[in-house]
Structure formats: structure tokens, C-alpha cells
C-alpha atoms as a PDB file:
ATOM      1  CA  MET A   1       0.000   0.000   0.000  1.00  0.00           C
ATOM      2  CA  GLY A   2       2.975   2.280   0.085  1.00  0.00           C
ATOM      3  CA  HIS A   3       4.379   4.865   2.448  1.00  0.00           C
ATOM      4  CA  PRO A   4       2.083   6.081   5.289  1.00  0.00           C
ATOM      5  CA  ARG A   5       1.897   9.590   3.825  1.00  0.00           C
ATOM      6  CA  ARG A   6       0.659   8.180   0.506  1.00  0.00           C
ATOM      7  CA  ARG A   7      -1.937   6.077   2.352  1.00  0.00           C
ATOM      8  CA  ARG A   8      -3.225   9.155   4.148  1.00  0.00           C
ATOM      9  CA  THR A   9      -3.417  11.078   0.868  1.00  0.00           C
ATOM     10  CA  ARG A  10      -5.295   8.226  -0.791  1.00  0.00           C
ATOM     11  CA  TYR A  11      -7.763   7.986   2.101  1.00  0.00           C
ATOM     12  CA  TYR A  12      -8.392  11.641   2.985  1.00  0.00           C
ATOM     13  CA  TYR A  13      -8.022  13.407  -0.341  1.00  0.00           C
ATOM     14  CA  GLN A  14      -8.246  10.934  -3.233  1.00  0.00           C
ATOM     15  CA  LYS A  15     -10.814   8.855  -1.312  1.00  0.00           C
ATOM     16  CA  THR A  16      -9.657   5.603  -2.909  1.00  0.00           C
ATOM     17  CA  VAL A  17      -8.973   3.618   0.288  1.00  0.00           C
ATOM     18  CA  PRO A  18     -12.060   2.051   1.950  1.00  0.00           C
ATOM     19  CA  LEU A  19     -10.597   1.780   5.464  1.00  0.00           C
ATOM     20  CA  TYR A  20      -7.786   3.452   7.342  1.00  0.00           C
ATOM     21  CA  PHE A  21      -6.614   2.543  10.844  1.00  0.00           C
ATOM     22  CA  THR A  22      -5.274   5.606  12.612  1.00  0.00           C
ATOM     23  CA  PRO A  23      -4.615   6.702  16.189  1.00  0.00           C
ATOM     24  CA  TRP A  24      -6.938   9.243  17.708  1.00  0.00           C
ATOM     25  CA  GLY A  25      -6.596  11.111  20.955  1.00  0.00           C
ATOM     26  CA  GLY A  26      -9.616  13.348  20.817  1.00  0.00           C
ATOM     27  CA  ARG A  27      -9.702  17.102  21.252  1.00  0.00           C
ATOM     28  CA  ALA A  28     -10.359  19.471  24.159  1.00  0.00           C
ATOM     29  CA  ASP A  29     -13.905  20.217  22.989  1.00  0.00           C
ATOM     30  CA  PRO A  30     -16.119  17.182  22.232  1.00  0.00           C
ATOM     31  CA  SER A  31     -17.789  18.929  19.302  1.00  0.00           C
ATOM     32  CA  ILE A  32     -14.424  19.243  17.533  1.00  0.00           C
ATOM     33  CA  THR A  33     -13.879  15.505  17.884  1.00  0.00           C
ATOM     34  CA  LEU A  34     -17.402  14.635  16.734  1.00  0.00           C
ATOM     35  CA  ASP A  35     -17.338  17.068  13.801  1.00  0.00           C
ATOM     36  CA  ASN A  36     -14.005  15.675  12.650  1.00  0.00           C
ATOM     37  CA  LEU A  37     -14.960  12.005  12.978  1.00  0.00           C
ATOM     38  CA  VAL A  38     -18.609  11.914  11.888  1.00  0.00           C
ATOM     39  CA  GLY A  39     -19.649  15.364  10.694  1.00  0.00           C
ATOM     40  CA  PRO A  40     -20.778  15.612   7.065  1.00  0.00           C
ATOM     41  CA  ASP A  41     -17.660  17.696   6.290  1.00  0.00           C
ATOM     42  CA  GLY A  42     -15.339  16.007   8.793  1.00  0.00           C
ATOM     43  CA  LEU A  43     -11.797  15.186   7.698  1.00  0.00           C
ATOM     44  CA  ASN A  44     -12.134  11.655   9.100  1.00  0.00           C
ATOM     45  CA  ASN A  45     -15.436  11.169   7.281  1.00  0.00           C
ATOM     46  CA  PRO A  46     -14.228  11.527   3.675  1.00  0.00           C
ATOM     47  CA  ALA A  47     -17.424   9.990   2.280  1.00  0.00           C
ATOM     48  CA  GLY A  48     -19.431  12.701   4.046  1.00  0.00           C
ATOM     49  CA  VAL A  49     -21.887  10.120   5.368  1.00  0.00           C
ATOM     50  CA  ALA A  50     -24.138  11.615   8.057  1.00  0.00           C
ATOM     51  CA  THR A  51     -27.836  11.514   8.787  1.00  0.00           C
ATOM     52  CA  GLU A  52     -29.745  14.794   8.723  1.00  0.00           C
ATOM     53  CA  GLU A  53     -30.482  14.317  12.433  1.00  0.00           C
ATOM     54  CA  LEU A  54     -26.774  13.905  13.208  1.00  0.00           C
ATOM     55  CA  ALA A  55     -25.874  17.040  11.236  1.00  0.00           C
ATOM     56  CA  GLN A  56     -28.542  19.026  13.128  1.00  0.00           C
ATOM     57  CA  LEU A  57     -27.409  17.687  16.510  1.00  0.00           C
ATOM     58  CA  LEU A  58     -23.800  18.626  15.729  1.00  0.00           C
ATOM     59  CA  ASP A  59     -24.898  22.147  14.749  1.00  0.00           C
ATOM     60  CA  LYS A  60     -27.015  22.536  17.903  1.00  0.00           C
ATOM     61  CA  SER A  61     -24.263  21.233  20.199  1.00  0.00           C
ATOM     62  CA  ARG A  62     -21.764  23.721  18.753  1.00  0.00           C
ATOM     63  CA  SER A  63     -24.080  26.686  19.229  1.00  0.00           C
ATOM     64  CA  GLU A  64     -25.452  25.809  22.693  1.00  0.00           C
ATOM     65  CA  SER A  65     -23.880  27.962  25.416  1.00  0.00           C
ATOM     66  CA  ASP A  66     -25.552  26.406  28.478  1.00  0.00           C
ATOM     67  CA  PRO A  67     -23.132  23.659  29.679  1.00  0.00           C
ATOM     68  CA  GLU A  68     -25.869  21.294  30.929  1.00  0.00           C
ATOM     69  CA  ALA A  69     -28.000  21.647  27.796  1.00  0.00           C
ATOM     70  CA  ARG A  70     -24.887  21.214  25.663  1.00  0.00           C
ATOM     71  CA  ALA A  71     -23.885  18.060  27.564  1.00  0.00           C
ATOM     72  CA  GLU A  72     -27.346  16.595  26.908  1.00  0.00           C
ATOM     73  CA  LEU A  73     -27.087  17.468  23.199  1.00  0.00           C
ATOM     74  CA  LEU A  74     -23.677  15.779  23.041  1.00  0.00           C
ATOM     75  CA  ARG A  75     -25.103  12.662  24.738  1.00  0.00           C
ATOM     76  CA  GLU A  76     -27.937  12.630  22.211  1.00  0.00           C
ATOM     77  CA  THR A  77     -25.410  13.103  19.407  1.00  0.00           C
ATOM     78  CA  SER A  78     -23.389  10.154  20.727  1.00  0.00           C
ATOM     79  CA  ARG A  79     -26.523   7.983  20.792  1.00  0.00           C
ATOM     80  CA  GLU A  80     -27.250   8.915  17.172  1.00  0.00           C
ATOM     81  CA  ILE A  81     -23.681   8.009  16.202  1.00  0.00           C
ATOM     82  CA  MET A  82     -23.933   4.633  17.940  1.00  0.00           C
ATOM     83  CA  ASP A  83     -27.324   3.921  16.334  1.00  0.00           C
ATOM     84  CA  ASP A  84     -25.824   4.682  12.924  1.00  0.00           C
ATOM     85  CA  SER A  85     -22.801   2.420  13.684  1.00  0.00           C
ATOM     86  CA  ARG A  86     -20.341   3.589  11.044  1.00  0.00           C
ATOM     87  CA  MET A  87     -17.315   3.514  13.302  1.00  0.00           C
ATOM     88  CA  ILE A  88     -15.621   0.896  15.429  1.00  0.00           C
ATOM     89  CA  PRO A  89     -13.576   2.492  18.221  1.00  0.00           C
ATOM     90  CA  ILE A  90     -10.550   0.442  19.211  1.00  0.00           C
ATOM     91  CA  ALA A  91      -8.696   1.259  22.408  1.00  0.00           C
ATOM     92  CA  SER A  92      -5.052   0.418  22.888  1.00  0.00           C
ATOM     93  CA  PRO A  93      -2.376   1.350  25.404  1.00  0.00           C
ATOM     94  CA  ALA A  94      -0.392   4.517  24.688  1.00  0.00           C
ATOM     95  CA  ILE A  95       2.798   2.531  24.155  1.00  0.00           C
ATOM     96  CA  ALA A  96       2.722  -1.020  22.836  1.00  0.00           C
ATOM     97  CA  ILE A  97       6.076  -1.760  21.253  1.00  0.00           C
ATOM     98  CA  ALA A  98       7.857  -5.032  21.951  1.00  0.00           C
ATOM     99  CA  PHE A  99       8.894  -7.304  19.125  1.00  0.00           C
ATOM    100  CA  ARG A 100      10.545 -10.637  18.614  1.00  0.00           C
ATOM    101  CA  PRO A 101      13.366 -10.849  16.057  1.00  0.00           C
ATOM    102  CA  TYR A 102      11.014 -12.384  13.458  1.00  0.00           C
ATOM    103  CA  VAL A 103       8.712  -9.328  13.390  1.00  0.00           C
ATOM    104  CA  VAL A 104       9.694  -7.193  10.392  1.00  0.00           C
ATOM    105  CA  GLY A 105       8.637  -3.969   8.726  1.00  0.00           C
ATOM    106  CA  TYR A 106       8.039  -1.791  11.778  1.00  0.00           C
ATOM    107  CA  GLU A 107       9.504   1.700  11.814  1.00  0.00           C
ATOM    108  CA  PRO A 108       9.335   3.701  15.061  1.00  0.00           C
ATOM    109  CA  PRO A 109       7.216   6.845  14.796  1.00  0.00           C
ATOM    110  CA  LEU A 110       8.682  10.328  15.092  1.00  0.00           C
ATOM    111  CA  THR A 111       6.120  11.065  17.799  1.00  0.00           C
ATOM    112  CA  ALA A 112       4.888   8.563  20.351  1.00  0.00           C
ATOM    113  CA  HIS A 113       1.227   8.716  19.295  1.00  0.00           C
ATOM    114  CA  ARG A 114       1.634   7.993  15.561  1.00  0.00           C
ATOM    115  CA  PHE A 115       1.982   4.209  15.489  1.00  0.00           C
ATOM    116  CA  ASP A 116       1.692   2.631  12.063  1.00  0.00           C
ATOM    117  CA  PHE A 117       1.483  -1.152  12.011  1.00  0.00           C
ATOM    118  CA  LEU A 118       0.558  -1.402   8.352  1.00  0.00           C
ATOM    119  CA  GLY A 119       3.300  -3.279   6.559  1.00  0.00           C
ATOM    120  CA  VAL A 120       4.438  -5.074   9.733  1.00  0.00           C
ATOM    121  CA  GLY A 121       4.824  -8.797   9.249  1.00  0.00           C
ATOM    122  CA  VAL A 122       6.466 -11.984  10.440  1.00  0.00           C
ATOM    123  CA  THR A 123       9.327 -13.829   8.795  1.00  0.00           C
ATOM    124  CA  ASP A 124      10.885 -17.187   9.368  1.00  0.00           C
ATOM    125  CA  ASP A 125      14.250 -15.812   8.191  1.00  0.00           C
ATOM    126  CA  LEU A 126      16.087 -14.960  11.407  1.00  0.00           C
ATOM    127  CA  GLY A 127      19.508 -14.679   9.782  1.00  0.00           C
END
């Protein structure tokens, strides 16, 4: 599939890759995270798939200034996302790097949160 940067380009901009596994740490404001992941114009939703109800809930949650009302809107938004089921969240420890000599193809990331296990494999050639 090529270099990680080319994979990202093919997924986000050319939209020719059906699935992309990427780390995600969220953002300080929940609406930023939700807009990015599932909003109709979200970077991590290149197909732009979103129900009209989800789009409206995202808009309302961004514009609501009352913290309690906003929290309820975000809970409702989360329920809509789960009902739509377009995403599978996968949790993993922050650091998970320990390999045997027969694991090949892994290159350490420049930053600790950008793990890329695509292209990692196993070989029986230990020499």
C-alpha cells in the first residue's frame, strides 16, 4: 500500500482507500472531535456520510452555550452516532512496542502517538 503519507493522501483526499486505521486522541472540545470524525464535512469522514439528524445535533451542540443543555445534546449526538454504527472504536495502550526478532517492517514513529502497524509482518528468516 505504500508509504504512510501516501496512504493518508489516498484515504483523505483521493478517497480511494475504503478503510484506514489511525490513532486518535480526541480534542479538548467534544464537538471538535465529533465534527471531525462523523460530521458531514469532517476530515475523518471523507465519504461525508451523516444523517440529517446527526448534522442538526452537531450544529445545535456547537451553538449551545448552556453547559448542561450542551452536555445533553452531546449525549444525544453520541446515541445517534452509535445507532448509525459507522465507526468501530478500538482502544489500545499509549505505548505497545515489543517485538521478537522475526517481526519485520516496523519503523518507530517520530512522535509517540503515531503508530503505524501497516506493513508489519512476520518472517521465518532470522539470519
